[in-house]
Amino acid sequence: MSDPAGKMVSVGAPQIFQGAFDFQLVRAMGTQTYGGAELGECFSTARKITNNDTESWYTEWNAIGERVRRLGDGYLSKNDKVSAREAYQRANSYYRSAEFFLQHEDPRHRETWQNARTSFQKATQLFDPPIETIEIPYEDITLPAYFVSGGDGNEPRPTLLLMGGFDSSVEEIYYFGAAAGARRGYNVLIFEGPGQRTTAHMHPGSIYRHDYEVPAATIVDYAISRADVDSENIAFAGFSLGGNLGARVGLYEKRIKACIVNSLLTDLRGAFLGLLGMDIKDDPISQEDIDAATNDITAPVFAWIAREADWRFNCGNLPDFFEALRAYDLTDQIQNMSIPFLSIASIGEGPHIVDYTKNIIDMDNPYLNGIILDGENDGADAHCHINNLSRMHADMFSWLDGALGIDRVNDNRFN
């Protein structure tokens, strides 16, 4: 989540709303790069929404999701598979937006999530080759995943394991890296672990854990079991909260050959507090501190985080949530990274987050690398660079090619 306190204005944002609503609009619009939205549909929907009114947010995004899904059904009935796929992709994004601010106890919450997931899965069968829907066994549940092939046939290819963060869905991560990777010849396995949004819907009671190398090992096990995966060239990437969890995987999962995060969250507690416009202090955060930081812009964000923390961290209130985040602190561990590691940060995320990347650039460890995209003048400054995915992906995959030793000139898999 980018700038929920509403303190910064992005040149790459439409500025229709204030605070969280404007970023969530950008989030939907940004997926257009890979077929997840159309600007006209997004703008026409946004102009019907009342700022900070979460009910109108649900109503209008759900309505456009329904309309576009029906278009997809109509195209498919005529065997127009391309138009149907594109419509189902957009319906997925719009339903995901509709679900975002709903109360977990609201029956529409699960229904809208299911509509989003079903729409994407209809689209997966219309790609060439189709995107595989997978459920990977983990402890007593399964983890939702999709395998996006980087080419035809079963020839082993470099493979990127890709996860999102606090509030993404596994389907949304297709736009954050899977589509871009497949276009460049990488297989991409997108997945969610315990506590993440789709996993929590599928398996109530599944909650986050700080030692994410444990569920990640299950994902690596699955990947190396496939004939079309080059087991000597597996990379890992995490976006948003995945900037913390993914870095942890890079530190402890030794079968990973390179790791990318967007962006590094060394101190997850500090990152949350900074984004909410609160003082970052070692003392416990009290309810009085939260009340003092609550205003018209931050109120729906605090309410949303409280619901998500209760649902997926098993923390019944925000003070307990902020205390639980202390377990996710990698400050004293990140310098021990022993594989090529890249953090891609955006200046629009604020200095407290950008500083995490600046710090590793200055460390005496050749494996640690950082890129800070200064997109202030051309709109590449939002959280995870959702307002300019093409620019971010160019840097991300160029670095990964180098980290894995990929020679695009002489390797026939990339020609």
Protein backbone atom coordinates (compact mmCIF):
# COMPACT_ATOMS: atom_id res chain seq x y z
CA MET A 1 0.00 0.00 0.00
CA SER A 2 1.41 3.37 -1.00
CA ASP A 3 0.99 6.56 1.00
CA PRO A 4 -2.22 5.68 2.87
CA ALA A 5 -1.70 8.72 5.06
CA GLY A 6 -2.16 10.91 2.00
CA LYS A 7 0.96 12.98 2.62
CA MET A 8 2.50 12.66 -0.84
CA VAL A 9 1.09 13.33 -4.30
CA SER A 10 2.39 11.18 -7.13
CA VAL A 11 2.83 12.62 -10.60
CA GLY A 12 1.93 9.16 -11.84
CA ALA A 13 -1.47 9.10 -10.09
CA PRO A 14 -4.81 10.38 -11.44
CA GLN A 15 -5.45 12.42 -8.27
CA ILE A 16 -9.18 11.74 -8.43
CA PHE A 17 -9.18 10.69 -4.77
CA GLN A 18 -7.09 11.34 -1.70
CA GLY A 19 -4.99 8.76 0.12
CA ALA A 20 -5.64 5.05 -0.28
CA PHE A 21 -8.44 5.31 -2.85
CA ASP A 22 -6.19 7.03 -5.39
CA PHE A 23 -3.46 4.41 -5.06
CA GLN A 24 -5.98 1.58 -5.36
CA LEU A 25 -7.22 3.19 -8.57
CA VAL A 26 -3.64 3.32 -9.89
CA ARG A 27 -3.25 -0.29 -8.84
CA ALA A 28 -6.13 -1.36 -11.07
CA MET A 29 -5.09 0.89 -13.96
CA GLY A 30 -1.46 -0.26 -13.88
CA THR A 31 -2.37 -3.80 -14.86
CA GLN A 32 -3.34 -2.46 -18.31
CA THR A 33 0.25 -3.10 -19.42
CA TYR A 34 -0.49 -6.83 -19.45
CA GLY A 35 -4.22 -6.82 -20.19
CA GLY A 36 -5.69 -6.41 -16.72
CA ALA A 37 -7.57 -3.15 -17.25
CA GLU A 38 -8.64 -0.47 -19.69
CA LEU A 39 -8.24 3.19 -18.76
CA GLY A 40 -11.73 4.19 -19.90
CA GLU A 41 -13.36 1.51 -17.76
CA CYS A 42 -11.27 2.55 -14.76
CA PHE A 43 -11.90 6.28 -15.10
CA SER A 44 -15.62 5.89 -15.72
CA THR A 45 -15.87 3.69 -12.63
CA ALA A 46 -13.79 6.00 -10.43
CA ARG A 47 -15.90 9.05 -11.23
CA LYS A 48 -18.96 7.33 -9.78
CA ILE A 49 -17.23 6.64 -6.44
CA THR A 50 -17.41 8.92 -3.40
CA ASN A 51 -13.97 9.49 -1.86
CA ASN A 52 -13.39 7.34 1.25
CA ASP A 53 -16.87 5.76 0.91
CA THR A 54 -15.99 2.07 0.87
CA GLU A 55 -19.54 1.00 0.00
CA SER A 56 -19.58 3.06 -3.19
CA TRP A 57 -16.10 1.70 -3.95
CA TYR A 58 -17.44 -1.87 -3.80
CA THR A 59 -20.63 -1.09 -5.72
CA GLU A 60 -18.99 0.51 -8.74
CA TRP A 61 -16.02 -1.86 -9.11
CA ASN A 62 -18.30 -4.85 -8.74
CA ALA A 63 -20.64 -3.42 -11.37
CA ILE A 64 -17.89 -3.00 -13.96
CA GLY A 65 -16.56 -6.45 -13.09
CA GLU A 66 -20.00 -7.94 -13.75
CA ARG A 67 -20.39 -6.08 -17.05
CA VAL A 68 -16.98 -7.09 -18.38
CA ARG A 69 -17.38 -10.71 -17.24
CA ARG A 70 -20.65 -10.90 -19.17
CA LEU A 71 -18.84 -9.53 -22.23
CA GLY A 72 -16.34 -12.34 -21.85
CA ASP A 73 -19.09 -14.94 -21.68
CA GLY A 74 -20.58 -13.52 -24.87
CA TYR A 75 -17.28 -13.57 -26.73
CA LEU A 76 -16.60 -17.13 -25.62
CA SER A 77 -20.02 -18.29 -26.84
CA LYS A 78 -18.89 -17.17 -30.31
CA ASN A 79 -15.50 -18.89 -29.91
CA ASP A 80 -13.74 -15.51 -29.90
CA LYS A 81 -11.11 -16.72 -27.46
CA VAL A 82 -8.85 -13.67 -27.58
CA SER A 83 -11.62 -11.21 -26.75
CA ALA A 84 -12.97 -13.53 -24.07
CA ARG A 85 -9.56 -13.91 -22.44
CA GLU A 86 -9.00 -10.16 -22.39
CA ALA A 87 -12.42 -9.54 -20.86
CA TYR A 88 -11.93 -12.19 -18.17
CA GLN A 89 -8.55 -10.69 -17.27
CA ARG A 90 -10.10 -7.26 -16.78
CA ALA A 91 -13.04 -8.68 -14.84
CA ASN A 92 -10.55 -10.33 -12.50
CA SER A 93 -8.86 -6.99 -11.76
CA TYR A 94 -12.13 -5.15 -11.22
CA TYR A 95 -13.57 -7.78 -8.89
CA ARG A 96 -10.30 -7.74 -6.92
CA SER A 97 -10.68 -3.98 -6.51
CA ALA A 98 -14.30 -4.41 -5.42
CA GLU A 99 -13.36 -6.89 -2.72
CA PHE A 100 -10.55 -4.81 -1.29
CA PHE A 101 -12.28 -2.74 1.41
CA LEU A 102 -15.09 -5.18 2.28
CA GLN A 103 -15.40 -6.49 5.82
CA HIS A 104 -14.17 -10.06 6.06
CA GLU A 105 -17.46 -11.01 7.74
CA ASP A 106 -19.46 -9.52 4.85
CA PRO A 107 -20.68 -12.43 2.66
CA ARG A 108 -19.85 -10.29 -0.39
CA HIS A 109 -16.17 -10.49 0.58
CA ARG A 110 -15.78 -14.17 -0.27
CA GLU A 111 -18.25 -14.02 -3.14
CA THR A 112 -16.36 -11.19 -4.84
CA TRP A 113 -13.00 -12.91 -4.27
CA GLN A 114 -14.42 -16.05 -5.88
CA ASN A 115 -15.69 -14.05 -8.86
CA ALA A 116 -12.22 -12.58 -9.31
CA ARG A 117 -10.54 -15.97 -9.11
CA THR A 118 -13.03 -17.67 -11.41
CA SER A 119 -12.64 -14.92 -14.01
CA PHE A 120 -8.87 -15.29 -14.05
CA GLN A 121 -9.09 -19.07 -14.27
CA LYS A 122 -11.40 -18.76 -17.27
CA ALA A 123 -8.73 -16.57 -18.86
CA THR A 124 -5.91 -19.03 -18.11
CA GLN A 125 -7.42 -21.65 -20.41
CA LEU A 126 -7.47 -19.18 -23.29
CA PHE A 127 -3.76 -18.35 -23.27
CA ASP A 128 -1.43 -20.12 -25.70
CA PRO A 129 -0.03 -22.17 -24.06
CA PRO A 130 -2.61 -22.26 -21.25
CA ILE A 131 -1.57 -21.11 -17.79
CA GLU A 132 -1.62 -24.06 -15.37
CA THR A 133 -3.68 -23.82 -12.17
CA ILE A 134 -1.91 -25.68 -9.35
CA GLU A 135 -2.39 -26.41 -5.66
CA ILE A 136 0.86 -27.32 -3.92
CA PRO A 137 0.65 -29.44 -0.71
CA TYR A 138 1.99 -27.70 2.39
CA GLU A 139 1.52 -29.11 5.89
CA ASP A 140 -2.22 -29.79 6.16
CA ILE A 141 -3.35 -27.35 3.43
CA THR A 142 -2.48 -26.53 -0.19
CA LEU A 143 -0.94 -23.34 -1.54
CA PRO A 144 -2.54 -21.75 -4.63
CA ALA A 145 -0.26 -21.29 -7.61
CA TYR A 146 -0.13 -20.79 -11.38
CA PHE A 147 2.63 -21.90 -13.74
CA VAL A 148 3.23 -19.54 -16.65
CA SER A 149 5.47 -21.16 -19.26
CA GLY A 150 8.27 -19.20 -20.90
CA GLY A 151 8.01 -21.17 -24.14
CA ASP A 152 6.69 -24.19 -26.00
CA GLY A 153 7.64 -27.75 -25.09
CA ASN A 154 9.33 -29.23 -22.04
CA GLU A 155 12.82 -27.81 -22.53
CA PRO A 156 14.15 -26.79 -19.09
CA ARG A 157 14.09 -23.03 -18.64
CA PRO A 158 15.24 -20.59 -15.99
CA THR A 159 12.33 -20.20 -13.60
CA LEU A 160 11.23 -17.37 -11.35
CA LEU A 161 9.23 -18.14 -8.20
CA LEU A 162 7.13 -15.05 -7.53
CA MET A 163 5.01 -13.99 -4.55
CA GLY A 164 3.07 -10.89 -3.58
CA GLY A 165 2.49 -9.29 -0.23
CA PHE A 166 0.02 -8.24 2.41
CA ASP A 167 -2.99 -7.54 0.23
CA SER A 168 -2.31 -8.94 -3.25
CA SER A 169 -3.96 -11.98 -4.76
CA VAL A 170 -2.03 -14.71 -6.53
CA GLU A 171 -3.85 -13.77 -9.74
CA GLU A 172 -2.79 -10.13 -9.46
CA ILE A 173 0.86 -11.19 -9.30
CA TYR A 174 0.55 -12.31 -12.92
CA TYR A 175 0.69 -8.61 -13.83
CA PHE A 176 3.49 -7.79 -11.39
CA GLY A 177 6.01 -10.15 -12.97
CA ALA A 178 4.68 -13.35 -14.53
CA ALA A 179 3.57 -11.86 -17.84
CA ALA A 180 6.81 -9.91 -18.17
CA GLY A 181 8.94 -12.94 -17.33
CA ALA A 182 7.18 -15.24 -19.77
CA ARG A 183 7.60 -12.68 -22.55
CA ARG A 184 11.35 -12.84 -21.88
CA GLY A 185 11.56 -16.63 -21.92
CA TYR A 186 11.38 -17.33 -18.19
CA ASN A 187 8.98 -19.79 -16.63
CA VAL A 188 7.22 -18.04 -13.77
CA LEU A 189 5.56 -19.88 -10.89
CA ILE A 190 3.35 -17.45 -9.01
CA PHE A 191 2.06 -18.56 -5.63
CA GLU A 192 0.71 -17.58 -2.25
CA GLY A 193 1.90 -18.86 1.10
CA PRO A 194 0.17 -19.14 4.48
CA GLY A 195 -1.68 -16.02 5.54
CA GLN A 196 -1.81 -14.50 2.08
CA ARG A 197 -5.14 -13.47 0.68
CA THR A 198 -6.14 -16.40 -1.51
CA THR A 199 -4.70 -18.96 0.89
CA ALA A 200 -6.69 -17.43 3.75
CA HIS A 201 -9.89 -17.62 1.69
CA MET A 202 -9.23 -21.22 0.72
CA HIS A 203 -8.05 -22.33 4.16
CA PRO A 204 -9.56 -20.28 7.00
CA GLY A 205 -7.16 -20.12 9.91
CA SER A 206 -4.08 -19.96 7.71
CA ILE A 207 -1.93 -17.12 9.08
CA TYR A 208 1.39 -15.49 8.25
CA ARG A 209 4.68 -16.72 9.66
CA HIS A 210 7.94 -14.78 9.72
CA ASP A 211 10.11 -17.79 8.71
CA TYR A 212 8.78 -17.89 5.17
CA GLU A 213 11.63 -20.10 4.00
CA VAL A 214 9.57 -23.00 5.39
CA PRO A 215 6.60 -22.71 3.00
CA ALA A 216 8.94 -21.47 0.25
CA ALA A 217 10.82 -24.78 0.45
CA THR A 218 7.60 -26.51 -0.58
CA ILE A 219 7.38 -24.26 -3.64
CA VAL A 220 10.99 -25.00 -4.60
CA ASP A 221 10.35 -28.73 -4.15
CA TYR A 222 7.50 -28.53 -6.62
CA ALA A 223 9.44 -26.43 -9.12
CA ILE A 224 12.44 -28.76 -9.31
CA SER A 225 10.14 -31.74 -9.81
CA ARG A 226 9.11 -30.37 -13.22
CA ALA A 227 10.94 -31.42 -16.39
CA ASP A 228 10.51 -27.94 -17.89
CA VAL A 229 12.30 -26.19 -14.98
CA ASP A 230 16.06 -25.71 -15.02
CA SER A 231 16.73 -26.60 -11.39
CA GLU A 232 20.14 -24.90 -11.51
CA ASN A 233 18.58 -21.59 -12.48
CA ILE A 234 15.76 -20.87 -10.03
CA ALA A 235 15.25 -17.32 -8.79
CA PHE A 236 12.86 -15.93 -6.22
CA ALA A 237 11.05 -12.59 -6.14
CA GLY A 238 8.73 -10.92 -3.65
CA PHE A 239 6.66 -7.78 -4.01
CA SER A 240 5.39 -5.42 -1.30
CA LEU A 241 5.31 -7.43 1.97
CA GLY A 242 7.14 -10.00 -0.14
CA GLY A 243 10.03 -7.53 0.10
CA ASN A 244 10.45 -8.81 3.64
CA LEU A 245 9.37 -12.43 3.21
CA GLY A 246 11.26 -12.80 -0.06
CA ALA A 247 14.46 -11.46 1.48
CA ARG A 248 14.09 -14.03 4.25
CA VAL A 249 13.81 -16.76 1.60
CA GLY A 250 16.94 -15.44 -0.09
CA LEU A 251 18.81 -15.71 3.18
CA TYR A 252 17.79 -19.25 4.10
CA GLU A 253 16.64 -21.24 1.03
CA LYS A 254 19.92 -22.45 -0.46
CA ARG A 255 18.50 -23.80 -3.74
CA ILE A 256 17.67 -20.27 -4.87
CA LYS A 257 20.33 -18.81 -7.18
CA ALA A 258 19.17 -15.17 -7.11
CA CYS A 259 16.61 -13.09 -5.23
CA ILE A 260 14.73 -9.88 -6.11
CA VAL A 261 12.45 -7.82 -3.90
CA ASN A 262 10.37 -4.77 -4.68
CA SER A 263 11.23 -3.34 -2.38
CA LEU A 264 13.28 -4.42 0.62
CA LEU A 265 11.44 -4.09 3.94
CA THR A 266 14.17 -4.82 6.46
CA ASP A 267 12.06 -3.54 9.36
CA LEU A 268 8.46 -4.47 8.59
CA ARG A 269 7.08 -2.78 11.69
CA GLY A 270 8.84 0.47 10.86
CA ALA A 271 7.62 0.29 7.26
CA PHE A 272 3.97 -0.04 8.32
CA LEU A 273 4.20 2.76 10.86
CA GLY A 274 5.95 5.07 8.42
CA LEU A 275 3.38 4.52 5.68
CA LEU A 276 0.61 5.28 8.17
CA GLY A 277 2.25 8.59 9.09
CA MET A 278 3.02 7.45 12.64
CA ASP A 279 6.17 7.95 14.69
CA ILE A 280 8.55 5.02 14.37
CA LYS A 281 9.59 4.23 17.93
CA ASP A 282 10.74 1.23 19.90
CA ASP A 283 8.04 1.62 22.53
CA PRO A 284 4.82 -0.35 21.98
CA ILE A 285 2.20 1.44 19.90
CA SER A 286 -0.89 2.19 21.95
CA GLN A 287 -4.48 2.64 20.89
CA GLU A 288 -4.07 6.30 21.86
CA ASP A 289 -1.24 6.60 19.31
CA ILE A 290 -3.50 5.11 16.66
CA ASP A 291 -6.39 7.39 17.55
CA ALA A 292 -4.11 10.42 17.26
CA ALA A 293 -3.08 9.37 13.73
CA THR A 294 -6.65 8.74 12.58
CA ASN A 295 -8.34 11.26 10.29
CA ASP A 296 -10.76 11.22 7.37
CA ILE A 297 -8.11 9.85 5.02
CA THR A 298 -6.47 7.27 7.30
CA ALA A 299 -9.62 6.01 9.05
CA PRO A 300 -10.65 3.52 6.32
CA VAL A 301 -7.04 2.35 6.06
CA PHE A 302 -6.70 1.70 9.80
CA ALA A 303 -10.03 -0.13 9.74
CA TRP A 304 -8.92 -2.22 6.79
CA ILE A 305 -5.55 -3.13 8.34
CA ALA A 306 -7.26 -4.07 11.61
CA ARG A 307 -9.58 -6.46 9.76
CA GLU A 308 -6.74 -8.00 7.76
CA ALA A 309 -4.53 -8.36 10.87
CA ASP A 310 -7.30 -10.16 12.72
CA TRP A 311 -8.04 -12.42 9.77
CA ARG A 312 -4.53 -13.28 8.57
CA PHE A 313 -2.16 -12.55 11.46
CA ASN A 314 -4.50 -13.66 14.25
CA CYS A 315 -4.03 -10.27 15.96
CA GLY A 316 -7.26 -8.97 17.43
CA ASN A 317 -6.19 -5.31 17.58
CA LEU A 318 -3.68 -2.97 15.97
CA PRO A 319 -1.33 -2.60 18.97
CA ASP A 320 -0.91 -6.39 19.03
CA PHE A 321 -0.39 -6.41 15.27
CA PHE A 322 2.41 -3.86 15.44
CA GLU A 323 4.07 -5.88 18.20
CA ALA A 324 3.80 -9.08 16.14
CA LEU A 325 5.67 -7.40 13.29
CA ARG A 326 8.83 -7.25 15.40
CA ALA A 327 9.46 -10.91 14.51
CA TYR A 328 9.87 -9.87 10.87
CA ASP A 329 12.91 -7.66 11.49
CA LEU A 330 15.85 -8.57 9.21
CA THR A 331 18.04 -5.61 10.18
CA ASP A 332 20.81 -7.75 11.64
CA GLN A 333 20.54 -10.49 9.02
CA ILE A 334 20.39 -8.88 5.60
CA GLN A 335 24.18 -8.33 5.42
CA ASN A 336 24.57 -12.13 5.47
CA MET A 337 23.01 -12.59 2.01
CA SER A 338 25.09 -15.14 0.09
CA ILE A 339 23.40 -15.09 -3.34
CA PRO A 340 22.90 -12.25 -5.86
CA PHE A 341 20.21 -10.03 -4.34
CA LEU A 342 18.44 -6.99 -5.78
CA SER A 343 16.08 -4.51 -4.15
CA ILE A 344 14.16 -2.22 -6.50
CA ALA A 345 12.79 0.77 -4.62
CA SER A 346 10.62 3.69 -5.62
CA ILE A 347 11.09 7.23 -4.38
CA GLY A 348 7.32 7.51 -4.05
CA GLU A 349 7.31 5.03 -1.18
CA GLY A 350 8.88 7.57 1.14
CA PRO A 351 12.36 7.96 2.60
CA HIS A 352 11.92 5.43 5.41
CA ILE A 353 11.43 2.61 2.85
CA VAL A 354 13.93 3.90 0.29
CA ASP A 355 16.52 3.99 3.08
CA TYR A 356 16.34 0.20 3.44
CA THR A 357 17.64 -0.10 -0.14
CA LYS A 358 20.18 2.69 0.29
CA ASN A 359 21.55 0.89 3.33
CA ILE A 360 22.30 -2.36 1.47
CA ILE A 361 23.97 -0.46 -1.37
CA ASP A 362 26.41 0.88 1.21
CA MET A 363 27.08 -2.51 2.85
CA ASP A 364 30.32 -4.36 2.30
CA ASN A 365 28.70 -7.33 0.59
CA PRO A 366 29.04 -7.71 -3.21
CA TYR A 367 25.87 -9.82 -3.37
CA LEU A 368 23.67 -6.91 -2.23
CA ASN A 369 22.42 -4.62 -5.00
CA GLY A 370 19.88 -1.83 -5.10
CA ILE A 371 18.12 0.19 -7.78
CA ILE A 372 16.17 3.30 -6.78
CA LEU A 373 13.93 4.30 -9.66
CA ASP A 374 13.61 8.06 -9.72
CA GLY A 375 10.33 8.20 -11.56
CA GLU A 376 9.22 11.52 -10.11
CA ASN A 377 9.10 13.19 -13.51
CA ASP A 378 7.63 10.36 -15.57
CA GLY A 379 5.33 8.45 -13.24
CA ALA A 380 7.29 5.42 -12.11
CA ASP A 381 7.14 6.33 -8.44
CA ALA A 382 4.23 4.37 -6.97
CA HIS A 383 4.47 1.38 -4.64
CA CYS A 384 5.94 -1.57 -6.59
CA HIS A 385 6.04 0.75 -9.62
CA ILE A 386 2.48 -0.16 -10.50
CA ASN A 387 2.18 3.06 -12.50
CA ASN A 388 5.07 2.07 -14.82
CA LEU A 389 5.50 -1.69 -14.82
CA SER A 390 7.36 -1.76 -18.14
CA ARG A 391 10.15 0.40 -16.79
CA MET A 392 10.50 -1.65 -13.62
CA HIS A 393 10.44 -4.97 -15.47
CA ALA A 394 13.17 -3.84 -17.87
CA ASP A 395 15.56 -3.27 -14.96
CA MET A 396 14.38 -6.32 -13.03
CA PHE A 397 14.87 -8.89 -15.79
CA SER A 398 18.03 -7.32 -17.16
CA TRP A 399 19.59 -7.72 -13.71
CA LEU A 400 18.26 -11.27 -13.40
CA ASP A 401 19.76 -12.24 -16.77
CA GLY A 402 23.14 -11.14 -15.45
CA ALA A 403 22.72 -12.83 -12.07
CA LEU A 404 21.88 -16.17 -13.70
CA GLY A 405 24.44 -15.82 -16.51
CA ILE A 406 21.85 -15.85 -19.29
CA ASP A 407 23.26 -15.12 -22.75
CA ARG A 408 20.36 -13.99 -24.90
CA VAL A 409 22.55 -13.70 -27.99
CA ASN A 410 23.70 -17.33 -28.06
CA ASP A 411 21.07 -19.22 -26.04
CA ASN A 412 18.46 -20.59 -28.45
CA ARG A 413 15.84 -20.70 -25.70
CA PHE A 414 15.65 -16.90 -25.86
CA ASN A 415 15.73 -16.45 -29.65
